[in-house]
């Protein structure tokens, strides 16, 4: 190839990318200072000795039959809490998410007598989802524990409320980001919103919707463990008891089980993706 026809070796966007990187650094640096983030503290000799002693208590894991029976019971309780919470969250998220999806609005095919009412309902749905996801599940759990007492019921409702808001918002965004032309054709042909959803939007977005739901179920498992520290039961409550007793072997066993649960959620996500492909 003649020298004049050879492509330039220099990246034409290098200067712009460098500028963006420097701008991000200028914004991030004061934020790190405000947060008092100092990675050098991790490598301080005294801190390394403390962390080494703490991690050394985790070995070997406690594999006694009595404790494994307690772990199994707590694991089932954690899975039940997360699964029931996600199921209730979907009952909140699906109608609110569909109400928020502009692609399912009849007004998008032309003005009508109920156009103002539809916009008002979408504003209400958006506000409801904002409130639900705006309060962390741990705060909901602290409030609900006072109402229901110690146990999984508070954790289930806390997950349902917060994750209902998250799922509804993301469901709407997934449906809007795909190909909405089939739904529009169905609406223009006289079909209802549910028909437009099931036959126009769901076939193209089903895989992504299922994957995100499984991801949120995985997050719900983690959240249920954290909420166990405030009395919601499950693995978190068992871990809290073990940490208070300074029993590192029991804590490491619970962490291993928790990692296995995350692997289970990932395997379910892969299976559903292949099933819906």
Protein backbone atom coordinates (compact mmCIF):
# COMPACT_ATOMS: atom_id res chain seq x y z
CA UNK A 1 0.00 0.00 0.00
CA UNK A 2 1.43 3.43 -0.93
CA UNK A 3 2.38 5.62 2.04
CA UNK A 4 -0.28 8.17 1.11
CA UNK A 5 -3.06 5.54 1.36
CA UNK A 6 -1.96 4.03 4.67
CA UNK A 7 -4.38 4.72 7.56
CA UNK A 8 -3.04 7.07 10.24
CA UNK A 9 -1.50 5.27 13.18
CA UNK A 10 -2.52 7.94 15.66
CA UNK A 11 -5.98 7.65 17.23
CA UNK A 12 -7.93 10.74 16.11
CA UNK A 13 -10.01 10.63 19.33
CA UNK A 14 -7.01 10.27 21.64
CA UNK A 15 -6.99 13.95 22.61
CA UNK A 16 -10.71 13.97 23.38
CA UNK A 17 -10.49 10.78 25.44
CA UNK A 18 -7.53 12.18 27.36
CA UNK A 19 -9.50 15.32 28.08
CA UNK A 20 -12.46 13.34 29.38
CA UNK A 21 -10.16 11.19 31.53
CA UNK A 22 -8.50 14.26 33.05
CA UNK A 23 -11.89 15.86 33.65
CA UNK A 24 -13.14 12.73 35.39
CA UNK A 25 -10.01 12.67 37.54
CA UNK A 26 -10.50 16.31 38.52
CA UNK A 27 -14.06 15.52 39.61
CA UNK A 28 -13.20 12.23 41.33
CA UNK A 29 -10.18 13.42 43.29
CA UNK A 30 -11.98 15.89 45.62
CA UNK A 31 -14.74 13.31 46.13
CA UNK A 32 -12.14 10.79 47.31
CA UNK A 33 -10.72 13.41 49.67
CA UNK A 34 -14.16 14.13 51.10
CA UNK A 35 -14.76 10.41 51.57
CA UNK A 36 -11.36 10.13 53.35
CA UNK A 37 -10.36 7.29 51.03
CA UNK A 38 -6.72 6.42 51.52
CA UNK A 39 -5.65 3.07 49.97
CA UNK A 40 -2.23 3.32 51.63
CA UNK A 41 -3.86 2.49 54.97
CA UNK A 42 -4.50 -1.04 53.72
CA UNK A 43 -0.77 -1.69 53.48
CA UNK A 44 0.15 -0.30 56.87
CA UNK A 45 2.06 -2.96 58.85
CA UNK A 46 -0.22 -2.74 61.88
CA UNK A 47 -3.38 -2.91 59.78
CA UNK A 48 -2.00 -5.87 57.82
CA UNK A 49 -1.31 -7.71 61.06
CA UNK A 50 -4.84 -7.05 62.35
CA UNK A 51 -6.43 -8.18 59.09
CA UNK A 52 -4.21 -11.24 58.92
CA UNK A 53 -5.21 -12.27 62.43
CA UNK A 54 -8.88 -11.69 61.63
CA UNK A 55 -8.75 -13.73 58.42
CA UNK A 56 -6.79 -16.45 60.19
CA UNK A 57 -9.76 -17.02 62.50
CA UNK A 58 -11.83 -18.09 59.49
CA UNK A 59 -9.79 -21.26 59.00
CA UNK A 60 -10.77 -24.01 59.15
CA UNK A 61 -14.52 -23.65 58.43
CA UNK A 62 -16.89 -25.23 60.92
CA UNK A 63 -18.27 -28.35 59.24
CA UNK A 64 -19.83 -30.02 62.26
CA UNK A 65 -23.18 -31.68 61.69
CA UNK A 66 -25.08 -29.58 64.23
CA UNK A 67 -23.88 -26.30 62.77
CA UNK A 68 -24.44 -27.42 59.17
CA UNK A 69 -28.05 -28.24 60.13
CA UNK A 70 -28.46 -24.68 61.41
CA UNK A 71 -26.87 -23.32 58.23
CA UNK A 72 -29.21 -25.40 56.05
CA UNK A 73 -32.26 -24.12 57.92
CA UNK A 74 -31.02 -20.52 57.66
CA UNK A 75 -30.24 -20.98 53.95
CA UNK A 76 -33.75 -22.22 53.21
CA UNK A 77 -35.12 -19.28 55.17
CA UNK A 78 -32.92 -16.85 53.21
CA UNK A 79 -33.95 -18.31 49.85
CA UNK A 80 -37.61 -18.25 50.86
CA UNK A 81 -37.28 -14.63 51.98
CA UNK A 82 -35.58 -13.53 48.75
CA UNK A 83 -37.89 -15.51 46.45
CA UNK A 84 -41.10 -14.42 48.18
CA UNK A 85 -39.84 -10.82 48.23
CA UNK A 86 -39.07 -10.85 44.50
CA UNK A 87 -42.44 -12.45 43.73
CA UNK A 88 -44.26 -9.69 45.62
CA UNK A 89 -41.97 -7.11 44.02
CA UNK A 90 -43.00 -8.33 40.56
CA UNK A 91 -46.66 -7.98 41.52
CA UNK A 92 -45.89 -4.31 42.17
CA UNK A 93 -43.45 -3.79 39.33
CA UNK A 94 -45.34 -5.30 36.39
CA UNK A 95 -48.47 -3.11 36.50
CA UNK A 96 -46.54 0.02 37.43
CA UNK A 97 -43.88 -0.68 34.79
CA UNK A 98 -46.51 -1.27 32.09
CA UNK A 99 -48.34 1.90 33.12
CA UNK A 100 -45.07 3.82 32.80
CA UNK A 101 -44.22 2.36 29.36
CA UNK A 102 -45.11 4.99 26.80
CA UNK A 103 -44.96 2.45 23.96
CA UNK A 104 -48.14 0.83 25.32
CA UNK A 105 -50.02 4.11 25.43
CA UNK A 106 -52.84 4.51 22.95
CA UNK A 107 -52.06 8.24 22.86
CA UNK A 108 -48.84 7.56 20.95
CA UNK A 109 -50.90 6.65 17.86
CA UNK A 110 -52.83 9.90 18.00
CA UNK A 111 -54.64 12.29 20.34
CA UNK A 112 -57.68 10.98 22.13
CA UNK A 113 -60.14 11.93 24.87
CA UNK A 114 -58.17 10.05 27.54
CA UNK A 115 -54.73 11.39 26.64
CA UNK A 116 -54.57 13.67 29.69
CA UNK A 117 -55.68 10.87 32.00
CA UNK A 118 -53.00 8.57 30.59
CA UNK A 119 -50.26 11.12 31.20
CA UNK A 120 -51.54 11.67 34.74
CA UNK A 121 -51.45 7.93 35.46
CA UNK A 122 -47.90 7.70 34.13
CA UNK A 123 -46.85 10.53 36.45
CA UNK A 124 -48.45 8.71 39.39
CA UNK A 125 -46.72 5.43 38.43
CA UNK A 126 -43.35 7.20 38.12
CA UNK A 127 -43.83 8.87 41.51
CA UNK A 128 -44.84 5.57 43.17
CA UNK A 129 -41.78 3.78 41.77
CA UNK A 130 -39.57 6.67 42.92
CA UNK A 131 -40.84 6.39 46.50
CA UNK A 132 -40.53 2.60 46.58
CA UNK A 133 -36.95 2.44 45.33
CA UNK A 134 -35.90 5.66 47.08
CA UNK A 135 -36.08 4.05 50.53
CA UNK A 136 -33.36 1.38 51.02
CA UNK A 137 -34.55 -2.10 51.91
CA UNK A 138 -32.61 -1.97 55.17
CA UNK A 139 -34.62 1.07 56.27
CA UNK A 140 -37.87 -0.67 55.31
CA UNK A 141 -36.74 -3.70 57.32
CA UNK A 142 -36.00 -1.59 60.40
CA UNK A 143 -39.47 -0.07 60.20
CA UNK A 144 -41.27 -3.34 59.48
CA UNK A 145 -39.46 -5.27 62.22
CA UNK A 146 -41.18 -2.99 64.70
CA UNK A 147 -44.54 -3.86 63.18
CA UNK A 148 -44.10 -7.60 62.56
CA UNK A 149 -41.44 -8.40 65.14
CA UNK A 150 -38.28 -10.42 64.54
CA UNK A 151 -38.50 -12.85 61.65
CA UNK A 152 -38.54 -13.16 57.85
CA UNK A 153 -41.88 -11.37 57.31
CA UNK A 154 -40.26 -7.95 57.67
CA UNK A 155 -37.49 -8.93 55.27
CA UNK A 156 -39.94 -10.20 52.65
CA UNK A 157 -41.93 -6.96 52.64
CA UNK A 158 -38.78 -4.81 52.71
CA UNK A 159 -37.46 -6.57 49.59
CA UNK A 160 -40.87 -6.38 47.92
CA UNK A 161 -41.18 -2.62 48.40
CA UNK A 162 -37.67 -1.55 47.37
CA UNK A 163 -37.20 -4.07 44.58
CA UNK A 164 -40.70 -3.43 43.28
CA UNK A 165 -39.64 0.14 42.58
CA UNK A 166 -36.37 -0.95 40.97
CA UNK A 167 -37.94 -3.66 38.81
CA UNK A 168 -40.79 -1.44 37.64
CA UNK A 169 -38.44 1.32 36.49
CA UNK A 170 -36.04 -1.01 34.68
CA UNK A 171 -38.87 -3.07 33.15
CA UNK A 172 -40.22 0.11 31.59
CA UNK A 173 -36.79 1.15 30.29
CA UNK A 174 -36.14 -2.31 28.79
CA UNK A 175 -39.50 -2.29 27.02
CA UNK A 176 -38.90 1.23 25.70
CA UNK A 177 -35.35 0.50 24.49
CA UNK A 178 -36.36 -2.39 22.21
CA UNK A 179 -38.20 -2.43 18.90
CA UNK A 180 -41.59 -0.89 19.65
CA UNK A 181 -42.94 -1.02 16.10
CA UNK A 182 -44.84 -4.32 16.54
CA UNK A 183 -46.64 -2.89 19.58
CA UNK A 184 -47.53 0.24 17.63
CA UNK A 185 -48.95 -1.82 14.77
CA UNK A 186 -51.10 -3.83 17.17
CA UNK A 187 -52.40 -0.67 18.86
CA UNK A 188 -53.17 0.93 15.49
CA UNK A 189 -55.03 -2.26 14.48
CA UNK A 190 -57.33 -1.95 17.47
CA UNK A 191 -55.54 -4.30 19.84
CA UNK A 192 -55.41 -3.66 23.56
CA UNK A 193 -52.43 -2.77 25.68
CA UNK A 194 -51.99 -6.29 27.03
CA UNK A 195 -52.03 -7.73 23.50
CA UNK A 196 -49.45 -5.14 22.44
CA UNK A 197 -47.31 -6.11 25.41
CA UNK A 198 -47.50 -9.89 25.06
CA UNK A 199 -47.20 -10.03 21.26
CA UNK A 200 -45.41 -6.79 20.44
CA UNK A 201 -42.86 -6.09 23.18
CA UNK A 202 -42.38 -9.25 25.24
CA UNK A 203 -40.93 -11.50 22.50
CA UNK A 204 -38.04 -9.11 21.91
CA UNK A 205 -37.48 -8.11 25.53
CA UNK A 206 -38.26 -11.38 27.34
CA UNK A 207 -34.65 -12.54 27.59
CA UNK A 208 -33.42 -9.26 29.03
CA UNK A 209 -36.38 -9.00 31.42
CA UNK A 210 -35.75 -12.52 32.74
CA UNK A 211 -32.02 -11.91 33.10
CA UNK A 212 -32.56 -8.68 35.05
CA UNK A 213 -35.17 -10.34 37.28
CA UNK A 214 -32.77 -13.15 38.15
CA UNK A 215 -30.06 -10.58 38.84
CA UNK A 216 -32.40 -8.78 41.22
CA UNK A 217 -33.21 -12.11 42.88
CA UNK A 218 -29.47 -12.55 43.42
CA UNK A 219 -29.35 -9.05 44.93
CA UNK A 220 -32.35 -9.97 47.09
CA UNK A 221 -30.43 -12.95 48.46
CA UNK A 222 -27.59 -10.62 49.43
CA UNK A 223 -30.03 -8.09 50.85
CA UNK A 224 -31.78 -10.76 52.93
CA UNK A 225 -28.42 -11.70 54.45
CA UNK A 226 -27.78 -8.06 55.38
CA UNK A 227 -31.28 -7.63 56.79
CA UNK A 228 -30.68 -10.62 59.01
CA UNK A 229 -28.41 -8.35 61.07
CA UNK A 230 -31.47 -6.31 62.08
CA UNK A 231 -33.49 -9.37 63.09
CA UNK A 232 -35.07 -10.46 59.79
CA UNK A 233 -33.79 -14.04 60.17
CA UNK A 234 -31.90 -16.24 57.72
CA UNK A 235 -28.16 -16.47 57.15
CA UNK A 236 -27.61 -12.86 58.20
CA UNK A 237 -28.98 -13.43 61.67
CA UNK A 238 -26.93 -16.61 62.04
CA UNK A 239 -23.80 -14.76 60.87
CA UNK A 240 -24.50 -11.95 63.33
CA UNK A 241 -24.64 -14.44 66.17
CA UNK A 242 -21.40 -16.13 65.06
CA UNK A 243 -19.57 -12.82 64.74
CA UNK A 244 -20.70 -11.72 68.19
CA UNK A 245 -19.33 -15.01 69.54
CA UNK A 246 -16.05 -14.34 67.63
CA UNK A 247 -16.38 -17.72 65.91
CA UNK A 248 -14.54 -17.24 62.62
CA UNK A 249 -14.99 -20.86 61.52
CA UNK A 250 -18.76 -20.50 61.57
CA UNK A 251 -18.57 -17.19 59.69
CA UNK A 252 -16.41 -18.72 56.95
CA UNK A 253 -18.88 -21.60 56.53
CA UNK A 254 -21.74 -19.12 56.13
CA UNK A 255 -19.71 -17.11 53.59
CA UNK A 256 -19.02 -20.27 51.56
CA UNK A 257 -22.72 -21.08 51.50
CA UNK A 258 -23.48 -17.51 50.47
CA UNK A 259 -21.03 -17.75 47.54
CA UNK A 260 -22.68 -21.00 46.45
CA UNK A 261 -26.04 -19.22 46.43
CA UNK A 262 -24.60 -16.54 44.13
CA UNK A 263 -23.28 -19.27 41.80
CA UNK A 264 -26.75 -20.84 41.83
CA UNK A 265 -28.33 -17.55 40.79
CA UNK A 266 -25.81 -17.16 37.98
CA UNK A 267 -26.51 -20.70 36.74
CA UNK A 268 -30.28 -20.03 36.75
CA UNK A 269 -29.70 -16.83 34.77
CA UNK A 270 -27.65 -18.68 32.12
CA UNK A 271 -30.30 -21.42 31.90
CA UNK A 272 -33.12 -18.93 31.38
CA UNK A 273 -31.14 -17.04 28.76
CA UNK A 274 -30.63 -20.26 26.77
CA UNK A 275 -34.27 -21.23 27.25
CA UNK A 276 -35.54 -17.89 25.95
CA UNK A 277 -32.96 -17.53 23.18
